Amino acid sequence: MRRFFDVIFSVIGLFFGFPILIVLSVLGYLDTGSPIFRQKRVGRHRHSFILLKFRTMRPGTASVASHLADASAVTAFGRFLRRTKLDELPQLWNVLCGDMSMVGPRPCLFNQEELINERQARRVFEARPGITGLAQLRNIDMSTPRLLAETDARMLKELNLSSYFRYIMMTVAGKGAGDVVKAK
């Protein structure tokens, strides 16, 4: 049933969000010359997929988890996108294609071995990764792999349609900080 709502929400989001996507793409092009960011991530059953986001850092920035990235690499426009979570809008395409869900564990990078092992032990990879989830709403990021994997596993165990809608509404209402880049 969640997949049905994933498709409905992603189609509605892409249709009504299309003008916003165009404006943000143009502004992103003016900001970095390359508005869309593509990155290989770990998906369901540990299969790889290409995650789409609006670029928030300068091109050429090291491909690491946000908590390990250099804060000076984030552009002013990128800070706005992260703060408003608009950088996630292109992921609606990932949801429509079936690589992601609206709600699920945030997809990690293949070089985050500790997190991958913690998630594997808790069977988190049996679910599609999501745009939002319990860990994001509680500001738990990838800097605490065990806590993140435990939170993801608990969310998946308790996930039903009611919590699915609740997590989406809380995210839309601005709960959770999103991906935080720590100052170095």
C-alpha atoms as a PDB file:
ATOM      1  CA  MET A   1       0.000   0.000   0.000  1.00  0.00           C
ATOM      2  CA  ARG A   2       2.895   2.386   0.750  1.00  0.00           C
ATOM      3  CA  ARG A   3       4.222   1.949  -2.797  1.00  0.00           C
ATOM      4  CA  PHE A   4       0.843   3.084  -4.135  1.00  0.00           C
ATOM      5  CA  PHE A   5       1.052   6.275  -2.067  1.00  0.00           C
ATOM      6  CA  ASP A   6       4.710   6.721  -3.028  1.00  0.00           C
ATOM      7  CA  VAL A   7       3.719   6.790  -6.699  1.00  0.00           C
ATOM      8  CA  ILE A   8       0.744   9.103  -6.088  1.00  0.00           C
ATOM      9  CA  PHE A   9       2.772  11.566  -3.971  1.00  0.00           C
ATOM     10  CA  SER A  10       5.736  11.579  -6.351  1.00  0.00           C
ATOM     11  CA  VAL A  11       3.522  12.199  -9.416  1.00  0.00           C
ATOM     12  CA  ILE A  12       1.637  14.987  -7.629  1.00  0.00           C
ATOM     13  CA  GLY A  13       4.873  16.456  -6.279  1.00  0.00           C
ATOM     14  CA  LEU A  14       6.596  16.406  -9.665  1.00  0.00           C
ATOM     15  CA  PHE A  15       3.548  17.822 -11.455  1.00  0.00           C
ATOM     16  CA  PHE A  16       2.843  20.677  -9.056  1.00  0.00           C
ATOM     17  CA  GLY A  17       6.481  21.161  -8.159  1.00  0.00           C
ATOM     18  CA  PHE A  18       7.618  21.406 -11.785  1.00  0.00           C
ATOM     19  CA  PRO A  19       7.700  25.246 -11.819  1.00  0.00           C
ATOM     20  CA  ILE A  20       9.688  25.209  -8.557  1.00  0.00           C
ATOM     21  CA  LEU A  21      12.059  22.592  -9.989  1.00  0.00           C
ATOM     22  CA  ILE A  22      12.658  24.799 -13.046  1.00  0.00           C
ATOM     23  CA  VAL A  23      13.297  27.943 -10.969  1.00  0.00           C
ATOM     24  CA  LEU A  24      15.624  26.093  -8.576  1.00  0.00           C
ATOM     25  CA  SER A  25      17.451  24.518 -11.528  1.00  0.00           C
ATOM     26  CA  VAL A  26      18.063  27.931 -13.099  1.00  0.00           C
ATOM     27  CA  LEU A  27      19.196  29.417  -9.774  1.00  0.00           C
ATOM     28  CA  GLY A  28      21.375  26.357  -9.163  1.00  0.00           C
ATOM     29  CA  TYR A  29      22.938  26.734 -12.601  1.00  0.00           C
ATOM     30  CA  LEU A  30      23.748  30.360 -11.824  1.00  0.00           C
ATOM     31  CA  ASP A  31      25.151  29.303  -8.434  1.00  0.00           C
ATOM     32  CA  THR A  32      27.364  26.352  -9.402  1.00  0.00           C
ATOM     33  CA  GLY A  33      26.974  25.788 -13.145  1.00  0.00           C
ATOM     34  CA  SER A  34      25.622  22.306 -12.389  1.00  0.00           C
ATOM     35  CA  PRO A  35      22.295  22.358 -10.509  1.00  0.00           C
ATOM     36  CA  ILE A  36      21.599  18.618 -10.249  1.00  0.00           C
ATOM     37  CA  PHE A  37      23.785  16.394  -8.121  1.00  0.00           C
ATOM     38  CA  ARG A  38      23.935  12.666  -8.906  1.00  0.00           C
ATOM     39  CA  GLN A  39      25.504  10.224  -6.493  1.00  0.00           C
ATOM     40  CA  LYS A  40      25.661   6.441  -6.233  1.00  0.00           C
ATOM     41  CA  ARG A  41      23.940   5.315  -3.035  1.00  0.00           C
ATOM     42  CA  VAL A  42      23.107   2.041  -1.289  1.00  0.00           C
ATOM     43  CA  GLY A  43      19.520   1.043  -1.953  1.00  0.00           C
ATOM     44  CA  ARG A  44      17.165  -1.791  -1.159  1.00  0.00           C
ATOM     45  CA  HIS A  45      18.933  -5.155  -0.823  1.00  0.00           C
ATOM     46  CA  ARG A  46      22.216  -3.196  -0.991  1.00  0.00           C
ATOM     47  CA  HIS A  47      21.764  -2.585  -4.716  1.00  0.00           C
ATOM     48  CA  SER A  48      23.152   0.675  -6.017  1.00  0.00           C
ATOM     49  CA  PHE A  49      21.083   3.457  -7.493  1.00  0.00           C
ATOM     50  CA  ILE A  50      21.747   7.033  -8.543  1.00  0.00           C
ATOM     51  CA  LEU A  51      20.294   9.534  -6.072  1.00  0.00           C
ATOM     52  CA  LEU A  52      19.248  12.918  -7.455  1.00  0.00           C
ATOM     53  CA  LYS A  53      19.411  16.142  -5.449  1.00  0.00           C
ATOM     54  CA  PHE A  54      19.876  19.810  -6.077  1.00  0.00           C
ATOM     55  CA  ARG A  55      23.551  20.633  -5.712  1.00  0.00           C
ATOM     56  CA  THR A  56      24.307  22.447  -2.467  1.00  0.00           C
ATOM     57  CA  MET A  57      28.107  22.277  -2.586  1.00  0.00           C
ATOM     58  CA  ARG A  58      30.635  23.421  -5.117  1.00  0.00           C
ATOM     59  CA  PRO A  59      31.353  20.914  -7.902  1.00  0.00           C
ATOM     60  CA  GLY A  60      34.403  18.796  -7.127  1.00  0.00           C
ATOM     61  CA  THR A  61      33.676  18.561  -3.394  1.00  0.00           C
ATOM     62  CA  ALA A  62      34.701  15.211  -1.912  1.00  0.00           C
ATOM     63  CA  SER A  63      31.971  12.559  -1.976  1.00  0.00           C
ATOM     64  CA  VAL A  64      31.535  11.992   1.753  1.00  0.00           C
ATOM     65  CA  ALA A  65      28.659  12.009   4.215  1.00  0.00           C
ATOM     66  CA  SER A  66      27.425  15.505   5.065  1.00  0.00           C
ATOM     67  CA  HIS A  67      28.825  15.416   8.596  1.00  0.00           C
ATOM     68  CA  LEU A  68      32.317  14.856   7.118  1.00  0.00           C
ATOM     69  CA  ALA A  69      32.069  17.508   4.397  1.00  0.00           C
ATOM     70  CA  ASP A  70      33.835  20.839   4.622  1.00  0.00           C
ATOM     71  CA  ALA A  71      31.247  23.477   5.556  1.00  0.00           C
ATOM     72  CA  SER A  72      33.010  26.025   3.361  1.00  0.00           C
ATOM     73  CA  ALA A  73      32.050  23.923   0.308  1.00  0.00           C
ATOM     74  CA  VAL A  74      28.345  24.705   0.830  1.00  0.00           C
ATOM     75  CA  THR A  75      27.230  27.680  -1.241  1.00  0.00           C
ATOM     76  CA  ALA A  76      24.904  30.397   0.065  1.00  0.00           C
ATOM     77  CA  PHE A  77      22.146  29.093  -2.206  1.00  0.00           C
ATOM     78  CA  GLY A  78      22.994  25.565  -1.028  1.00  0.00           C
ATOM     79  CA  ARG A  79      22.471  26.590   2.608  1.00  0.00           C
ATOM     80  CA  PHE A  80      19.022  27.880   1.643  1.00  0.00           C
ATOM     81  CA  LEU A  81      18.205  24.626  -0.174  1.00  0.00           C
ATOM     82  CA  ARG A  82      19.331  22.524   2.795  1.00  0.00           C
ATOM     83  CA  ARG A  83      17.533  24.655   5.371  1.00  0.00           C
ATOM     84  CA  THR A  84      14.250  24.471   3.416  1.00  0.00           C
ATOM     85  CA  LYS A  85      14.852  20.823   2.362  1.00  0.00           C
ATOM     86  CA  LEU A  86      14.210  21.857  -1.249  1.00  0.00           C
ATOM     87  CA  ASP A  87      17.444  20.091  -2.231  1.00  0.00           C
ATOM     88  CA  GLU A  88      15.485  16.839  -1.824  1.00  0.00           C
ATOM     89  CA  LEU A  89      12.809  17.645  -4.461  1.00  0.00           C
ATOM     90  CA  PRO A  90      14.529  15.794  -7.339  1.00  0.00           C
ATOM     91  CA  GLN A  91      14.329  12.615  -5.250  1.00  0.00           C
ATOM     92  CA  LEU A  92      10.644  12.485  -6.125  1.00  0.00           C
ATOM     93  CA  TRP A  93      11.930  11.049  -9.429  1.00  0.00           C
ATOM     94  CA  ASN A  94      13.810   8.355  -7.460  1.00  0.00           C
ATOM     95  CA  VAL A  95      10.552   7.562  -5.644  1.00  0.00           C
ATOM     96  CA  LEU A  96       8.565   7.376  -8.882  1.00  0.00           C
ATOM     97  CA  CYS A  97      11.177   5.030 -10.417  1.00  0.00           C
ATOM     98  CA  GLY A  98      10.999   2.733  -7.373  1.00  0.00           C
ATOM     99  CA  ASP A  99      14.545   3.315  -6.108  1.00  0.00           C
ATOM    100  CA  MET A 100      13.239   5.117  -3.026  1.00  0.00           C
ATOM    101  CA  SER A 101      10.148   5.574  -0.906  1.00  0.00           C
ATOM    102  CA  MET A 102       8.761   8.764   0.585  1.00  0.00           C
ATOM    103  CA  VAL A 103       9.467   7.282   4.043  1.00  0.00           C
ATOM    104  CA  GLY A 104      12.409   5.050   4.875  1.00  0.00           C
ATOM    105  CA  PRO A 105      16.024   5.101   6.026  1.00  0.00           C
ATOM    106  CA  ARG A 106      18.131   7.752   4.273  1.00  0.00           C
ATOM    107  CA  PRO A 107      20.346   6.090   1.667  1.00  0.00           C
ATOM    108  CA  CYS A 108      24.005   5.979   2.587  1.00  0.00           C
ATOM    109  CA  LEU A 109      27.178   6.021   0.528  1.00  0.00           C
ATOM    110  CA  PHE A 110      29.045   2.817  -0.253  1.00  0.00           C
ATOM    111  CA  ASN A 111      32.100   4.087   1.668  1.00  0.00           C
ATOM    112  CA  GLN A 112      30.110   4.254   4.936  1.00  0.00           C
ATOM    113  CA  GLU A 113      31.061   0.700   5.884  1.00  0.00           C
ATOM    114  CA  GLU A 114      30.243   0.946   9.590  1.00  0.00           C
ATOM    115  CA  LEU A 115      26.701   2.159   8.842  1.00  0.00           C
ATOM    116  CA  ILE A 116      26.250  -0.481   6.137  1.00  0.00           C
ATOM    117  CA  ASN A 117      27.286  -3.225   8.583  1.00  0.00           C
ATOM    118  CA  GLU A 118      24.988  -1.889  11.324  1.00  0.00           C
ATOM    119  CA  ARG A 119      22.055  -1.691   8.895  1.00  0.00           C
ATOM    120  CA  GLN A 120      22.791  -5.124   7.438  1.00  0.00           C
ATOM    121  CA  ALA A 121      22.741  -6.665  10.930  1.00  0.00           C
ATOM    122  CA  ARG A 122      19.317  -5.096  11.552  1.00  0.00           C
ATOM    123  CA  ARG A 123      17.851  -5.988   8.122  1.00  0.00           C
ATOM    124  CA  VAL A 124      17.311  -2.319   7.250  1.00  0.00           C
ATOM    125  CA  PHE A 125      18.235  -2.977   3.608  1.00  0.00           C
ATOM    126  CA  GLU A 126      15.053  -4.997   3.117  1.00  0.00           C
ATOM    127  CA  ALA A 127      13.234  -1.677   2.727  1.00  0.00           C
ATOM    128  CA  ARG A 128      13.554   1.021   0.122  1.00  0.00           C
ATOM    129  CA  PRO A 129      15.512   4.034   1.346  1.00  0.00           C
ATOM    130  CA  GLY A 130      13.408   7.128   1.914  1.00  0.00           C
ATOM    131  CA  ILE A 131      13.362  10.870   1.509  1.00  0.00           C
ATOM    132  CA  THR A 132      12.405  11.198   5.161  1.00  0.00           C
ATOM    133  CA  GLY A 133      12.132   9.013   8.217  1.00  0.00           C
ATOM    134  CA  LEU A 134      12.197   8.846  11.983  1.00  0.00           C
ATOM    135  CA  ALA A 135      15.959   9.433  12.249  1.00  0.00           C
ATOM    136  CA  GLN A 136      15.774  12.620  10.182  1.00  0.00           C
ATOM    137  CA  LEU A 137      12.874  13.920  12.248  1.00  0.00           C
ATOM    138  CA  ARG A 138      14.892  13.280  15.413  1.00  0.00           C
ATOM    139  CA  ASN A 139      18.041  14.887  13.927  1.00  0.00           C
ATOM    140  CA  ILE A 140      20.007  11.629  14.018  1.00  0.00           C
ATOM    141  CA  ASP A 141      22.548  11.728  11.211  1.00  0.00           C
ATOM    142  CA  MET A 142      25.121   9.375   9.751  1.00  0.00           C
ATOM    143  CA  SER A 143      27.768  10.443  12.271  1.00  0.00           C
ATOM    144  CA  THR A 144      26.258   7.956  14.750  1.00  0.00           C
ATOM    145  CA  PRO A 145      25.969   4.762  12.658  1.00  0.00           C
ATOM    146  CA  ARG A 146      24.734   2.424  15.373  1.00  0.00           C
ATOM    147  CA  LEU A 147      22.073   4.811  16.689  1.00  0.00           C
ATOM    148  CA  LEU A 148      20.983   5.595  13.131  1.00  0.00           C
ATOM    149  CA  ALA A 149      20.677   1.907  12.209  1.00  0.00           C
ATOM    150  CA  GLU A 150      18.775   1.144  15.436  1.00  0.00           C
ATOM    151  CA  THR A 151      16.389   4.044  14.782  1.00  0.00           C
ATOM    152  CA  ASP A 152      15.888   2.962  11.158  1.00  0.00           C
ATOM    153  CA  ALA A 153      15.152  -0.618  12.229  1.00  0.00           C
ATOM    154  CA  ARG A 154      12.667   0.543  14.872  1.00  0.00           C
ATOM    155  CA  MET A 155      10.940   2.821  12.358  1.00  0.00           C
ATOM    156  CA  LEU A 156      10.629   0.020   9.797  1.00  0.00           C
ATOM    157  CA  LYS A 157       9.287  -2.410  12.394  1.00  0.00           C
ATOM    158  CA  GLU A 158       6.600   0.068  13.491  1.00  0.00           C
ATOM    159  CA  LEU A 159       5.903   1.659  10.075  1.00  0.00           C
ATOM    160  CA  ASN A 160       2.261   1.618   9.060  1.00  0.00           C
ATOM    161  CA  LEU A 161       0.143   3.959   6.930  1.00  0.00           C
ATOM    162  CA  SER A 162      -0.572   6.241   9.868  1.00  0.00           C
ATOM    163  CA  SER A 163       3.106   6.754  10.710  1.00  0.00           C
ATOM    164  CA  TYR A 164       3.954   6.996   6.987  1.00  0.00           C
ATOM    165  CA  PHE A 165       1.616  10.000   6.655  1.00  0.00           C
ATOM    166  CA  ARG A 166       2.714  11.433  10.006  1.00  0.00           C
ATOM    167  CA  TYR A 167       6.415  11.392   9.006  1.00  0.00           C
ATOM    168  CA  ILE A 168       5.619  13.086   5.692  1.00  0.00           C
ATOM    169  CA  MET A 169       3.495  15.773   7.367  1.00  0.00           C
ATOM    170  CA  MET A 170       6.135  16.419  10.047  1.00  0.00           C
ATOM    171  CA  THR A 171       8.788  16.803   7.341  1.00  0.00           C
ATOM    172  CA  VAL A 172       6.628  19.178   5.286  1.00  0.00           C
ATOM    173  CA  ALA A 173       5.967  21.169   8.484  1.00  0.00           C
ATOM    174  CA  GLY A 174       9.725  21.663   8.913  1.00  0.00           C
ATOM    175  CA  LYS A 175      10.568  19.180  11.677  1.00  0.00           C
ATOM    176  CA  GLY A 176      14.141  17.870  11.548  1.00  0.00           C
ATOM    177  CA  ALA A 177      17.243  19.763  10.537  1.00  0.00           C
ATOM    178  CA  GLY A 178      18.045  17.895   7.328  1.00  0.00           C
ATOM    179  CA  ASP A 179      21.617  17.074   6.379  1.00  0.00           C
ATOM    180  CA  VAL A 180      23.863  19.193   8.569  1.00  0.00           C
ATOM    181  CA  VAL A 181      27.369  20.052   7.461  1.00  0.00           C
ATOM    182  CA  LYS A 182      29.465  20.693  10.521  1.00  0.00           C
ATOM    183  CA  ALA A 183      31.968  23.550  10.570  1.00  0.00           C
ATOM    184  CA  LYS A 184      35.582  22.428  10.593  1.00  0.00           C
END
